[in-house]
Amino acid sequence: MPRILVTSIAFAETLARLREFGEVDANDSMEPFDYAEAKARAGTADAILAFMPDRVDAPFIAAAPKLKIVACALKGFDNFDLAAAARAGVWVSAVPDLLTNPTAELAVGLAIALARKIGEGDEIVRDNRFQGWRPVLYGTGLHGSTVAIVGMGAVGQAIARRLSGFGCRLLGVDPSAEMPGNVSAATLQEALEQSDYVFSAVPLSAGSRHLIGADAIARMKAEALLINIGRGSVISETAVADALERGALGGYAADVFEFEDWALPDRPREVEPRLLAHASTLFTPHLGSAVAAVRREIELAAAENIGDVLCGRAPRHAINSPPAVRKLAS
């Protein structure tokens, strides 16, 4: 039977579906397999169900001679070398559409929580410091503000739809995208200079790393709030910490972090400590798609991609095109 490697803990429904296609080697721990273990286990695998912490590069693929598909239960696939996989005859698939709405919801939630100081307020109540209303923790609101969305792909447009009822002016930064009716096109410089809120919804590429760094942040209003739900390394955490410390940025919220971008050899190994210590920051542990029903649907969609390939078909959500595909042993 074909052998299927599942690198992180998965829903029972996902594993049951995969067992219809082959023998499943499933991680049953909350900790994902590290690169070395995943690579070793992939040596006899025909298919891999992969997750955000995984990195599949040319050496990984070379160590997996039977591998035919890496089915990613995720949207952003910058940790996966599509070209190396294609050269080796290995399909790679992703499931982008299912993550769009929950990620956009979280983005708006982070913006509101940061602006209204919800985290600080929660601490006051839990620490028994709340004795009734006091004139404290005055923040800011979305109504009447100018909001920039950097990256107007599916997630950026979903954020714009959700913000349409908040009474704010929306600026979209993306020269390759057509702006929806409620969004005005702007250059990055224009958007940074004019906006009270800046959302980063940009995928990571060689050209987008630290797109919002020290120079970009210097163009922002000193009270502006920056929210990152795209990729950690699109924003320089060091530059954000510097700006917060000198009062040149109003606040920073993020669901993604530079240390997660495993494909970058010079990535930091932890979240910038000054950000963790600063009062004007708010963080979630990569919860963009962390809606149980959505995560289950994402995994099952990835499982179907594996089923496609193991049954001799192209995967329905392919993101590369191998010129010659590895065949199952007869």
C-alpha atoms as a PDB file:
ATOM      1  CA  MET A   1       0.000   0.000   0.000  1.00  0.00           C
ATOM      2  CA  PRO A   2       1.107   3.606  -0.505  1.00  0.00           C
ATOM      3  CA  ARG A   3       2.535   5.181   2.643  1.00  0.00           C
ATOM      4  CA  ILE A   4       1.285   8.598   3.796  1.00  0.00           C
ATOM      5  CA  LEU A   5       3.212  10.741   6.284  1.00  0.00           C
ATOM      6  CA  VAL A   6       1.238  13.233   8.434  1.00  0.00           C
ATOM      7  CA  THR A   7       3.721  15.617  10.062  1.00  0.00           C
ATOM      8  CA  SER A   8       1.483  17.280  12.690  1.00  0.00           C
ATOM      9  CA  ILE A   9      -1.466  16.122  14.742  1.00  0.00           C
ATOM     10  CA  ALA A  10      -4.595  15.910  12.601  1.00  0.00           C
ATOM     11  CA  PHE A  11      -8.328  15.384  13.031  1.00  0.00           C
ATOM     12  CA  ALA A  12      -9.586  11.806  13.300  1.00  0.00           C
ATOM     13  CA  GLU A  13     -11.724  12.379  10.208  1.00  0.00           C
ATOM     14  CA  THR A  14      -8.621  13.345   8.235  1.00  0.00           C
ATOM     15  CA  LEU A  15      -6.724  10.234   9.260  1.00  0.00           C
ATOM     16  CA  ALA A  16      -9.721   8.030   8.511  1.00  0.00           C
ATOM     17  CA  ARG A  17      -9.967   9.458   5.009  1.00  0.00           C
ATOM     18  CA  LEU A  18      -6.230   9.041   4.387  1.00  0.00           C
ATOM     19  CA  ARG A  19      -6.401   5.393   5.467  1.00  0.00           C
ATOM     20  CA  GLU A  20      -8.709   4.806   2.524  1.00  0.00           C
ATOM     21  CA  PHE A  21      -5.752   5.645   0.275  1.00  0.00           C
ATOM     22  CA  GLY A  22      -2.874   3.963   2.073  1.00  0.00           C
ATOM     23  CA  GLU A  23      -0.963   3.235   5.262  1.00  0.00           C
ATOM     24  CA  VAL A  24      -0.732   6.323   7.487  1.00  0.00           C
ATOM     25  CA  ASP A  25       2.295   7.320   9.577  1.00  0.00           C
ATOM     26  CA  ALA A  26       0.688  10.009  11.728  1.00  0.00           C
ATOM     27  CA  ASN A  27       2.191  12.333  14.311  1.00  0.00           C
ATOM     28  CA  ASP A  28       0.015  12.063  17.421  1.00  0.00           C
ATOM     29  CA  SER A  29       1.847  14.756  19.391  1.00  0.00           C
ATOM     30  CA  MET A  30       1.018  18.447  19.691  1.00  0.00           C
ATOM     31  CA  GLU A  31       4.650  19.093  18.707  1.00  0.00           C
ATOM     32  CA  PRO A  32       5.246  18.841  14.943  1.00  0.00           C
ATOM     33  CA  PHE A  33       8.034  16.691  13.596  1.00  0.00           C
ATOM     34  CA  ASP A  34      11.201  18.729  13.237  1.00  0.00           C
ATOM     35  CA  TYR A  35      12.937  18.930   9.861  1.00  0.00           C
ATOM     36  CA  ALA A  36      15.280  16.020  10.515  1.00  0.00           C
ATOM     37  CA  GLU A  37      12.585  13.637  11.715  1.00  0.00           C
ATOM     38  CA  ALA A  38      10.154  14.573   8.947  1.00  0.00           C
ATOM     39  CA  LYS A  39      12.910  14.092   6.371  1.00  0.00           C
ATOM     40  CA  ALA A  40      13.823  10.683   7.783  1.00  0.00           C
ATOM     41  CA  ARG A  41      10.210   9.494   7.869  1.00  0.00           C
ATOM     42  CA  ALA A  42       9.656  10.805   4.330  1.00  0.00           C
ATOM     43  CA  GLY A  43      12.247   8.342   3.045  1.00  0.00           C
ATOM     44  CA  THR A  44       9.579   5.667   2.515  1.00  0.00           C
ATOM     45  CA  ALA A  45       6.572   7.949   1.985  1.00  0.00           C
ATOM     46  CA  ASP A  46       4.519   8.222  -1.197  1.00  0.00           C
ATOM     47  CA  ALA A  47       2.639  11.279   0.082  1.00  0.00           C
ATOM     48  CA  ILE A  48       2.966  13.874   2.828  1.00  0.00           C
ATOM     49  CA  LEU A  49       0.239  15.859   4.549  1.00  0.00           C
ATOM     50  CA  ALA A  50       2.211  18.960   5.549  1.00  0.00           C
ATOM     51  CA  PHE A  51       1.539  21.878   7.864  1.00  0.00           C
ATOM     52  CA  MET A  52       2.819  25.377   8.584  1.00  0.00           C
ATOM     53  CA  PRO A  53       5.954  24.340  10.570  1.00  0.00           C
ATOM     54  CA  ASP A  54       7.240  22.099   7.764  1.00  0.00           C
ATOM     55  CA  ARG A  55      10.035  22.931   5.355  1.00  0.00           C
ATOM     56  CA  VAL A  56      10.346  20.905   2.172  1.00  0.00           C
ATOM     57  CA  ASP A  57      13.411  21.806   0.134  1.00  0.00           C
ATOM     58  CA  ALA A  58      15.613  20.081  -2.434  1.00  0.00           C
ATOM     59  CA  PRO A  59      17.574  17.951   0.108  1.00  0.00           C
ATOM     60  CA  PHE A  60      14.310  16.860   1.722  1.00  0.00           C
ATOM     61  CA  ILE A  61      12.881  15.793  -1.638  1.00  0.00           C
ATOM     62  CA  ALA A  62      16.102  13.998  -2.588  1.00  0.00           C
ATOM     63  CA  ALA A  63      15.794  11.941   0.597  1.00  0.00           C
ATOM     64  CA  ALA A  64      12.264  10.837  -0.367  1.00  0.00           C
ATOM     65  CA  PRO A  65      12.636   8.846  -3.607  1.00  0.00           C
ATOM     66  CA  LYS A  66       9.067   7.479  -3.550  1.00  0.00           C
ATOM     67  CA  LEU A  67       7.402  10.819  -2.834  1.00  0.00           C
ATOM     68  CA  LYS A  68       4.692  11.888  -5.284  1.00  0.00           C
ATOM     69  CA  ILE A  69       2.821  14.682  -3.518  1.00  0.00           C
ATOM     70  CA  VAL A  70       3.233  17.137  -0.678  1.00  0.00           C
ATOM     71  CA  ALA A  71      -0.317  18.207   0.201  1.00  0.00           C
ATOM     72  CA  CYS A  72      -0.120  21.371   2.301  1.00  0.00           C
ATOM     73  CA  ALA A  73      -2.911  22.036   4.793  1.00  0.00           C
ATOM     74  CA  LEU A  74      -2.225  25.744   4.562  1.00  0.00           C
ATOM     75  CA  LYS A  75      -2.359  28.848   2.385  1.00  0.00           C
ATOM     76  CA  GLY A  76       1.129  30.386   2.374  1.00  0.00           C
ATOM     77  CA  PHE A  77       3.635  27.970   0.852  1.00  0.00           C
ATOM     78  CA  ASP A  78       6.891  29.938   0.987  1.00  0.00           C
ATOM     79  CA  ASN A  79       8.493  27.163   3.094  1.00  0.00           C
ATOM     80  CA  PHE A  80       8.083  24.709   0.201  1.00  0.00           C
ATOM     81  CA  ASP A  81      10.408  24.656  -2.812  1.00  0.00           C
ATOM     82  CA  LEU A  82       7.930  24.272  -5.665  1.00  0.00           C
ATOM     83  CA  ALA A  83      10.579  24.253  -8.377  1.00  0.00           C
ATOM     84  CA  ALA A  84      12.656  21.539  -6.695  1.00  0.00           C
ATOM     85  CA  ALA A  85       9.535  19.436  -6.235  1.00  0.00           C
ATOM     86  CA  ALA A  86       8.522  19.872  -9.865  1.00  0.00           C
ATOM     87  CA  ARG A  87      11.987  18.888 -11.099  1.00  0.00           C
ATOM     88  CA  ALA A  88      11.740  15.696  -9.056  1.00  0.00           C
ATOM     89  CA  GLY A  89       8.272  14.884 -10.373  1.00  0.00           C
ATOM     90  CA  VAL A  90       6.531  15.693  -7.099  1.00  0.00           C
ATOM     91  CA  TRP A  91       3.226  17.535  -6.917  1.00  0.00           C
ATOM     92  CA  VAL A  92       2.650  20.249  -4.305  1.00  0.00           C
ATOM     93  CA  SER A  93      -0.862  21.367  -3.419  1.00  0.00           C
ATOM     94  CA  ALA A  94      -2.278  23.990  -1.062  1.00  0.00           C
ATOM     95  CA  VAL A  95      -5.730  24.994   0.157  1.00  0.00           C
ATOM     96  CA  PRO A  96      -5.854  28.795  -0.092  1.00  0.00           C
ATOM     97  CA  ASP A  97      -9.519  29.717  -0.208  1.00  0.00           C
ATOM     98  CA  LEU A  98     -10.604  28.096   3.041  1.00  0.00           C
ATOM     99  CA  LEU A  99      -8.240  30.204   5.142  1.00  0.00           C
ATOM    100  CA  THR A 100      -9.297  33.582   3.764  1.00  0.00           C
ATOM    101  CA  ASN A 101     -12.353  34.411   5.855  1.00  0.00           C
ATOM    102  CA  PRO A 102     -11.103  33.269   9.282  1.00  0.00           C
ATOM    103  CA  THR A 103      -7.812  35.105   8.725  1.00  0.00           C
ATOM    104  CA  ALA A 104      -9.619  38.306   7.774  1.00  0.00           C
ATOM    105  CA  GLU A 105     -11.855  38.020  10.843  1.00  0.00           C
ATOM    106  CA  LEU A 106      -8.840  37.692  13.105  1.00  0.00           C
ATOM    107  CA  ALA A 107      -7.170  40.681  11.437  1.00  0.00           C
ATOM    108  CA  VAL A 108     -10.097  42.933  12.259  1.00  0.00           C
ATOM    109  CA  GLY A 109     -10.275  41.486  15.769  1.00  0.00           C
ATOM    110  CA  LEU A 110      -6.604  42.240  16.378  1.00  0.00           C
ATOM    111  CA  ALA A 111      -7.030  45.797  15.132  1.00  0.00           C
ATOM    112  CA  ILE A 112      -9.980  46.469  17.420  1.00  0.00           C
ATOM    113  CA  ALA A 113      -8.334  44.792  20.405  1.00  0.00           C
ATOM    114  CA  LEU A 114      -5.118  46.769  19.937  1.00  0.00           C
ATOM    115  CA  ALA A 115      -6.890  50.078  19.362  1.00  0.00           C
ATOM    116  CA  ARG A 116      -9.268  49.675  22.315  1.00  0.00           C
ATOM    117  CA  LYS A 117      -6.589  48.265  24.660  1.00  0.00           C
ATOM    118  CA  ILE A 118      -8.595  45.126  25.328  1.00  0.00           C
ATOM    119  CA  GLY A 119      -5.582  43.122  26.475  1.00  0.00           C
ATOM    120  CA  GLU A 120      -4.635  45.729  29.082  1.00  0.00           C
ATOM    121  CA  GLY A 121      -8.234  46.011  30.215  1.00  0.00           C
ATOM    122  CA  ASP A 122      -8.501  42.259  30.659  1.00  0.00           C
ATOM    123  CA  GLU A 123      -5.408  42.308  32.885  1.00  0.00           C
ATOM    124  CA  ILE A 124      -6.865  45.047  35.085  1.00  0.00           C
ATOM    125  CA  VAL A 125     -10.032  43.028  35.700  1.00  0.00           C
ATOM    126  CA  ARG A 126      -8.182  39.745  36.304  1.00  0.00           C
ATOM    127  CA  ASP A 127      -5.733  41.418  38.708  1.00  0.00           C
ATOM    128  CA  ASN A 128      -8.647  42.715  40.829  1.00  0.00           C
ATOM    129  CA  ARG A 129      -7.645  46.287  40.087  1.00  0.00           C
ATOM    130  CA  PHE A 130     -11.067  47.152  38.642  1.00  0.00           C
ATOM    131  CA  GLN A 131     -13.174  49.084  41.133  1.00  0.00           C
ATOM    132  CA  GLY A 132     -15.661  50.506  38.651  1.00  0.00           C
ATOM    133  CA  TRP A 133     -15.338  52.952  35.786  1.00  0.00           C
ATOM    134  CA  ARG A 134     -12.277  55.199  35.731  1.00  0.00           C
ATOM    135  CA  PRO A 135     -11.035  57.515  32.961  1.00  0.00           C
ATOM    136  CA  VAL A 136      -8.313  55.122  31.823  1.00  0.00           C
ATOM    137  CA  LEU A 137      -7.266  53.138  28.740  1.00  0.00           C
ATOM    138  CA  TYR A 138      -8.615  55.624  26.245  1.00  0.00           C
ATOM    139  CA  GLY A 139      -7.874  54.249  22.816  1.00  0.00           C
ATOM    140  CA  THR A 140      -9.013  54.882  19.280  1.00  0.00           C
ATOM    141  CA  GLY A 141     -11.715  53.528  16.964  1.00  0.00           C
ATOM    142  CA  LEU A 142     -12.097  52.501  13.377  1.00  0.00           C
ATOM    143  CA  HIS A 143     -14.966  54.901  12.675  1.00  0.00           C
ATOM    144  CA  GLY A 144     -13.717  57.976  10.833  1.00  0.00           C
ATOM    145  CA  SER A 145     -10.202  56.581  10.467  1.00  0.00           C
ATOM    146  CA  THR A 146      -8.108  55.912   7.371  1.00  0.00           C
ATOM    147  CA  VAL A 147      -7.105  52.269   6.971  1.00  0.00           C
ATOM    148  CA  ALA A 148      -4.460  50.912   4.609  1.00  0.00           C
ATOM    149  CA  ILE A 149      -4.444  47.296   3.473  1.00  0.00           C
ATOM    150  CA  VAL A 150      -1.062  46.351   2.025  1.00  0.00           C
ATOM    151  CA  GLY A 151      -1.658  43.363  -0.214  1.00  0.00           C
ATOM    152  CA  MET A 152      -5.057  43.152  -1.889  1.00  0.00           C
ATOM    153  CA  GLY A 153      -5.177  39.451  -2.604  1.00  0.00           C
ATOM    154  CA  ALA A 154      -7.953  37.251  -1.258  1.00  0.00           C
ATOM    155  CA  VAL A 155      -7.216  38.030   2.409  1.00  0.00           C
ATOM    156  CA  GLY A 156      -6.769  41.758   1.802  1.00  0.00           C
ATOM    157  CA  GLN A 157     -10.057  41.950  -0.048  1.00  0.00           C
ATOM    158  CA  ALA A 158     -11.793  39.963   2.709  1.00  0.00           C
ATOM    159  CA  ILE A 159     -10.471  42.444   5.279  1.00  0.00           C
ATOM    160  CA  ALA A 160     -11.827  45.302   3.149  1.00  0.00           C
ATOM    161  CA  ARG A 161     -15.266  43.684   3.024  1.00  0.00           C
ATOM    162  CA  ARG A 162     -15.360  43.339   6.780  1.00  0.00           C
ATOM    163  CA  LEU A 163     -14.264  46.930   7.330  1.00  0.00           C
ATOM    164  CA  SER A 164     -16.877  48.331   4.957  1.00  0.00           C
ATOM    165  CA  GLY A 165     -19.399  48.727   7.794  1.00  0.00           C
ATOM    166  CA  PHE A 166     -17.086  50.530  10.193  1.00  0.00           C
ATOM    167  CA  GLY A 167     -17.242  53.964   8.586  1.00  0.00           C
ATOM    168  CA  CYS A 168     -13.569  54.179   7.693  1.00  0.00           C
ATOM    169  CA  ARG A 169     -11.746  55.245   4.539  1.00  0.00           C
ATOM    170  CA  LEU A 170      -9.951  52.322   2.900  1.00  0.00           C
ATOM    171  CA  LEU A 171      -6.728  52.498   0.900  1.00  0.00           C
ATOM    172  CA  GLY A 172      -5.435  49.454  -0.972  1.00  0.00           C
ATOM    173  CA  VAL A 173      -1.774  48.920  -1.849  1.00  0.00           C
ATOM    174  CA  ASP A 174      -1.240  46.360  -4.571  1.00  0.00           C
ATOM    175  CA  PRO A 175      -0.242  47.332  -8.125  1.00  0.00           C
ATOM    176  CA  SER A 176      -1.287  43.925  -9.457  1.00  0.00           C
ATOM    177  CA  ALA A 177      -4.817  43.874  -8.000  1.00  0.00           C
ATOM    178  CA  GLU A 178      -8.054  45.537  -9.045  1.00  0.00           C
ATOM    179  CA  MET A 179      -9.519  47.440  -6.124  1.00  0.00           C
ATOM    180  CA  PRO A 180     -13.083  46.725  -4.970  1.00  0.00           C
ATOM    181  CA  GLY A 181     -15.500  49.633  -5.017  1.00  0.00           C
ATOM    182  CA  ASN A 182     -15.014  50.619  -1.380  1.00  0.00           C
ATOM    183  CA  VAL A 183     -11.213  50.787  -1.628  1.00  0.00           C
ATOM    184  CA  SER A 184      -9.082  53.533  -3.197  1.00  0.00           C
ATOM    185  CA  ALA A 185      -5.785  52.541  -4.808  1.00  0.00           C
ATOM    186  CA  ALA A 186      -2.691  54.077  -3.237  1.00  0.00           C
ATOM    187  CA  THR A 187       1.053  53.710  -3.351  1.00  0.00           C
ATOM    188  CA  LEU A 188       2.727  52.274  -0.282  1.00  0.00           C
ATOM    189  CA  GLN A 189       4.148  55.689   0.561  1.00  0.00           C
ATOM    190  CA  GLU A 190       0.761  57.385   0.285  1.00  0.00           C
ATOM    191  CA  ALA A 191      -0.923  54.735   2.365  1.00  0.00           C
ATOM    192  CA  LEU A 192       1.678  54.807   5.123  1.00  0.00           C
ATOM    193  CA  GLU A 193       1.620  58.581   5.368  1.00  0.00           C
ATOM    194  CA  GLN A 194      -2.161  58.904   5.494  1.00  0.00           C
ATOM    195  CA  SER A 195      -3.339  55.912   7.507  1.00  0.00           C
ATOM    196  CA  ASP A 196      -4.302  55.427  11.133  1.00  0.00           C
ATOM    197  CA  TYR A 197      -4.273  51.645  10.734  1.00  0.00           C
ATOM    198  CA  VAL A 198      -2.030  49.612   8.414  1.00  0.00           C
ATOM    199  CA  PHE A 199      -2.785  45.941   7.756  1.00  0.00           C
ATOM    200  CA  SER A 200      -0.067  43.788   6.181  1.00  0.00           C
ATOM    201  CA  ALA A 201      -1.581  40.958   4.138  1.00  0.00           C
ATOM    202  CA  VAL A 202       1.385  40.348   1.870  1.00  0.00           C
ATOM    203  CA  PRO A 203       2.824  36.902   1.056  1.00  0.00           C
ATOM    204  CA  LEU A 204       6.527  36.407   1.659  1.00  0.00           C
ATOM    205  CA  SER A 205       8.835  36.560  -1.335  1.00  0.00           C
ATOM    206  CA  ALA A 206      12.342  37.773  -2.030  1.00  0.00           C
ATOM    207  CA  GLY A 207      10.909  41.190  -2.856  1.00  0.00           C
ATOM    208  CA  SER A 208       8.567  41.497   0.119  1.00  0.00           C
ATOM    209  CA  ARG A 209      10.903  40.650   2.983  1.00  0.00           C
ATOM    210  CA  HIS A 210      10.997  43.669   5.321  1.00  0.00           C
ATOM    211  CA  LEU A 211       8.781  45.583   2.931  1.00  0.00           C
ATOM    212  CA  ILE A 212       7.719  47.451   6.054  1.00  0.00           C
ATOM    213  CA  GLY A 213      11.010  48.230   7.723  1.00  0.00           C
ATOM    214  CA  ALA A 214      12.583  51.271   9.314  1.00  0.00           C
ATOM    215  CA  ASP A 215      12.160  53.566   6.294  1.00  0.00           C
ATOM    216  CA  ALA A 216       8.518  52.612   5.794  1.00  0.00           C
ATOM    217  CA  ILE A 217       7.654  52.950   9.479  1.00  0.00           C
ATOM    218  CA  ALA A 218       9.282  56.393   9.514  1.00  0.00           C
ATOM    219  CA  ARG A 219       6.619  57.517   7.029  1.00  0.00           C
ATOM    220  CA  MET A 220       3.753  56.444   9.284  1.00  0.00           C
ATOM    221  CA  LYS A 221       1.905  58.607  11.760  1.00  0.00           C
ATOM    222  CA  ALA A 222       3.401  58.385  15.240  1.00  0.00           C
ATOM    223  CA  GLU A 223       0.052  57.152  16.593  1.00  0.00           C
ATOM    224  CA  ALA A 224      -0.645  54.684  13.763  1.00  0.00           C
ATOM    225  CA  LEU A 225      -1.337  51.025  14.491  1.00  0.00           C
ATOM    226  CA  LEU A 226       0.309  48.254  12.460  1.00  0.00           C
ATOM    227  CA  ILE A 227      -1.306  44.800  12.140  1.00  0.00           C
ATOM    228  CA  ASN A 228       0.438  41.810  10.546  1.00  0.00           C
ATOM    229  CA  ILE A 229      -1.573  38.743   9.525  1.00  0.00           C
ATOM    230  CA  GLY A 230       0.323  37.959   6.299  1.00  0.00           C
ATOM    231  CA  ARG A 231       3.852  36.707   6.894  1.00  0.00           C
ATOM    232  CA  GLY A 232       6.138  37.601   9.773  1.00  0.00           C
ATOM    233  CA  SER A 233       9.168  38.604   7.730  1.00  0.00           C
ATOM    234  CA  VAL A 234       7.267  41.106   5.597  1.00  0.00           C
ATOM    235  CA  ILE A 235       7.623  43.413   8.612  1.00  0.00           C
ATOM    236  CA  SER A 236      10.907  44.012  10.419  1.00  0.00           C
ATOM    237  CA  GLU A 237      10.251  43.236  14.080  1.00  0.00           C
ATOM    238  CA  THR A 238      13.460  45.059  15.016  1.00  0.00           C
ATOM    239  CA  ALA A 239      12.283  48.206  13.232  1.00  0.00           C
ATOM    240  CA  VAL A 240       8.877  47.976  14.924  1.00  0.00           C
ATOM    241  CA  ALA A 241      10.496  47.631  18.364  1.00  0.00           C
ATOM    242  CA  ASP A 242      12.772  50.604  17.666  1.00  0.00           C
ATOM    243  CA  ALA A 243       9.810  52.740  16.605  1.00  0.00           C
ATOM    244  CA  LEU A 244       7.706  51.759  19.618  1.00  0.00           C
ATOM    245  CA  GLU A 245      10.548  52.557  22.007  1.00  0.00           C
ATOM    246  CA  ARG A 246      11.011  56.054  20.646  1.00  0.00           C
ATOM    247  CA  GLY A 247       7.260  56.772  20.419  1.00  0.00           C
ATOM    248  CA  ALA A 248       7.200  56.763  16.614  1.00  0.00           C
ATOM    249  CA  LEU A 249       4.481  54.089  16.312  1.00  0.00           C
ATOM    250  CA  GLY A 250       1.224  53.749  18.202  1.00  0.00           C
ATOM    251  CA  GLY A 251       1.082  49.963  18.462  1.00  0.00           C
ATOM    252  CA  TYR A 252       1.733  46.619  16.800  1.00  0.00           C
ATOM    253  CA  ALA A 253      -0.418  43.495  16.630  1.00  0.00           C
ATOM    254  CA  ALA A 254       0.600  40.266  14.908  1.00  0.00           C
ATOM    255  CA  ASP A 255      -0.497  36.699  14.346  1.00  0.00           C
ATOM    256  CA  VAL A 256       2.686  35.816  12.420  1.00  0.00           C
ATOM    257  CA  PHE A 257       6.353  36.193  13.309  1.00  0.00           C
ATOM    258  CA  GLU A 258       9.739  36.298  11.627  1.00  0.00           C
ATOM    259  CA  PHE A 259      11.070  33.194  13.395  1.00  0.00           C
ATOM    260  CA  GLU A 260       8.344  31.093  11.715  1.00  0.00           C
ATOM    261  CA  ASP A 261       9.696  31.666   8.209  1.00  0.00           C
ATOM    262  CA  TRP A 262      11.735  28.479   8.234  1.00  0.00           C
ATOM    263  CA  ALA A 263      12.998  28.803   4.668  1.00  0.00           C
ATOM    264  CA  LEU A 264      15.061  31.895   5.571  1.00  0.00           C
ATOM    265  CA  PRO A 265      18.428  30.728   6.954  1.00  0.00           C
ATOM    266  CA  ASP A 266      19.069  34.056   8.704  1.00  0.00           C
ATOM    267  CA  ARG A 267      15.656  34.304  10.354  1.00  0.00           C
ATOM    268  CA  PRO A 268      15.616  35.170  14.062  1.00  0.00           C
ATOM    269  CA  ARG A 269      15.092  32.254  16.441  1.00  0.00           C
ATOM    270  CA  GLU A 270      12.543  34.007  18.656  1.00  0.00           C
ATOM    271  CA  VAL A 271      10.084  36.869  18.687  1.00  0.00           C
ATOM    272  CA  GLU A 272      11.870  40.178  19.233  1.00  0.00           C
ATOM    273  CA  PRO A 273      11.963  40.356  23.084  1.00  0.00           C
ATOM    274  CA  ARG A 274      11.339  44.103  23.152  1.00  0.00           C
ATOM    275  CA  LEU A 275       8.028  43.545  21.389  1.00  0.00           C
ATOM    276  CA  LEU A 276       6.942  41.011  23.986  1.00  0.00           C
ATOM    277  CA  ALA A 277       7.772  43.451  26.778  1.00  0.00           C
ATOM    278  CA  HIS A 278       6.093  46.504  25.254  1.00  0.00           C
ATOM    279  CA  ALA A 279       2.668  47.593  26.490  1.00  0.00           C
ATOM    280  CA  SER A 280       1.502  48.663  23.022  1.00  0.00           C
ATOM    281  CA  THR A 281       1.682  45.235  21.407  1.00  0.00           C
ATOM    282  CA  LEU A 282      -0.814  42.408  21.066  1.00  0.00           C
ATOM    283  CA  PHE A 283      -0.097  38.914  19.787  1.00  0.00           C
ATOM    284  CA  THR A 284      -1.845  35.666  18.903  1.00  0.00           C
ATOM    285  CA  PRO A 285       0.000  32.382  18.189  1.00  0.00           C
ATOM    286  CA  HIS A 286      -0.722  32.029  14.469  1.00  0.00           C
ATOM    287  CA  LEU A 287      -4.471  31.624  14.929  1.00  0.00           C
ATOM    288  CA  GLY A 288      -5.502  32.961  11.517  1.00  0.00           C
ATOM    289  CA  SER A 289      -7.236  29.761  10.487  1.00  0.00           C
ATOM    290  CA  ALA A 290      -7.805  28.388  13.998  1.00  0.00           C
ATOM    291  CA  VAL A 291     -11.516  27.744  13.625  1.00  0.00           C
ATOM    292  CA  ALA A 292     -12.163  24.060  14.287  1.00  0.00           C
ATOM    293  CA  ALA A 293     -14.621  23.527  11.442  1.00  0.00           C
ATOM    294  CA  VAL A 294     -12.346  25.378   9.023  1.00  0.00           C
ATOM    295  CA  ARG A 295      -9.210  23.499  10.051  1.00  0.00           C
ATOM    296  CA  ARG A 296     -11.038  20.179   9.620  1.00  0.00           C
ATOM    297  CA  GLU A 297     -12.179  21.215   6.145  1.00  0.00           C
ATOM    298  CA  ILE A 298      -8.643  22.311   5.224  1.00  0.00           C
ATOM    299  CA  GLU A 299      -7.157  18.981   6.273  1.00  0.00           C
ATOM    300  CA  LEU A 300      -9.817  17.004   4.435  1.00  0.00           C
ATOM    301  CA  ALA A 301      -9.241  19.055   1.284  1.00  0.00           C
ATOM    302  CA  ALA A 302      -5.511  18.326   1.519  1.00  0.00           C
ATOM    303  CA  ALA A 303      -6.321  14.636   2.027  1.00  0.00           C
ATOM    304  CA  GLU A 304      -8.358  14.650  -1.185  1.00  0.00           C
ATOM    305  CA  ASN A 305      -5.345  16.045  -3.034  1.00  0.00           C
ATOM    306  CA  ILE A 306      -3.354  13.075  -1.781  1.00  0.00           C
ATOM    307  CA  GLY A 307      -6.140  10.743  -2.869  1.00  0.00           C
ATOM    308  CA  ASP A 308      -6.116  12.289  -6.335  1.00  0.00           C
ATOM    309  CA  VAL A 309      -2.424  11.587  -6.861  1.00  0.00           C
ATOM    310  CA  LEU A 310      -2.452   8.112  -5.336  1.00  0.00           C
ATOM    311  CA  CYS A 311      -5.370   7.268  -7.657  1.00  0.00           C
ATOM    312  CA  GLY A 312      -3.417   8.462 -10.692  1.00  0.00           C
ATOM    313  CA  ARG A 313      -4.932  11.934 -11.096  1.00  0.00           C
ATOM    314  CA  ALA A 314      -3.532  15.455 -10.848  1.00  0.00           C
ATOM    315  CA  PRO A 315      -4.350  17.038  -7.466  1.00  0.00           C
ATOM    316  CA  ARG A 316      -7.265  19.461  -7.607  1.00  0.00           C
ATOM    317  CA  HIS A 317      -5.369  22.221  -5.752  1.00  0.00           C
ATOM    318  CA  ALA A 318      -1.945  21.886  -7.411  1.00  0.00           C
ATOM    319  CA  ILE A 319       0.418  24.862  -7.088  1.00  0.00           C
ATOM    320  CA  ASN A 320       3.219  23.437  -9.224  1.00  0.00           C
ATOM    321  CA  SER A 321       3.383  21.521 -12.503  1.00  0.00           C
ATOM    322  CA  PRO A 322       5.880  18.649 -12.618  1.00  0.00           C
ATOM    323  CA  PRO A 323       6.916  17.980 -16.233  1.00  0.00           C
ATOM    324  CA  ALA A 324       7.130  14.271 -15.428  1.00  0.00           C
ATOM    325  CA  VAL A 325       5.254  12.839 -12.471  1.00  0.00           C
ATOM    326  CA  ARG A 326       6.544   9.948 -10.365  1.00  0.00           C
ATOM    327  CA  LYS A 327       4.427   6.847 -10.766  1.00  0.00           C
ATOM    328  CA  LEU A 328       3.147   4.476  -8.124  1.00  0.00           C
ATOM    329  CA  ALA A 329       4.901   1.131  -7.974  1.00  0.00           C
ATOM    330  CA  SER A 330       2.851  -1.536  -9.663  1.00  0.00           C
END
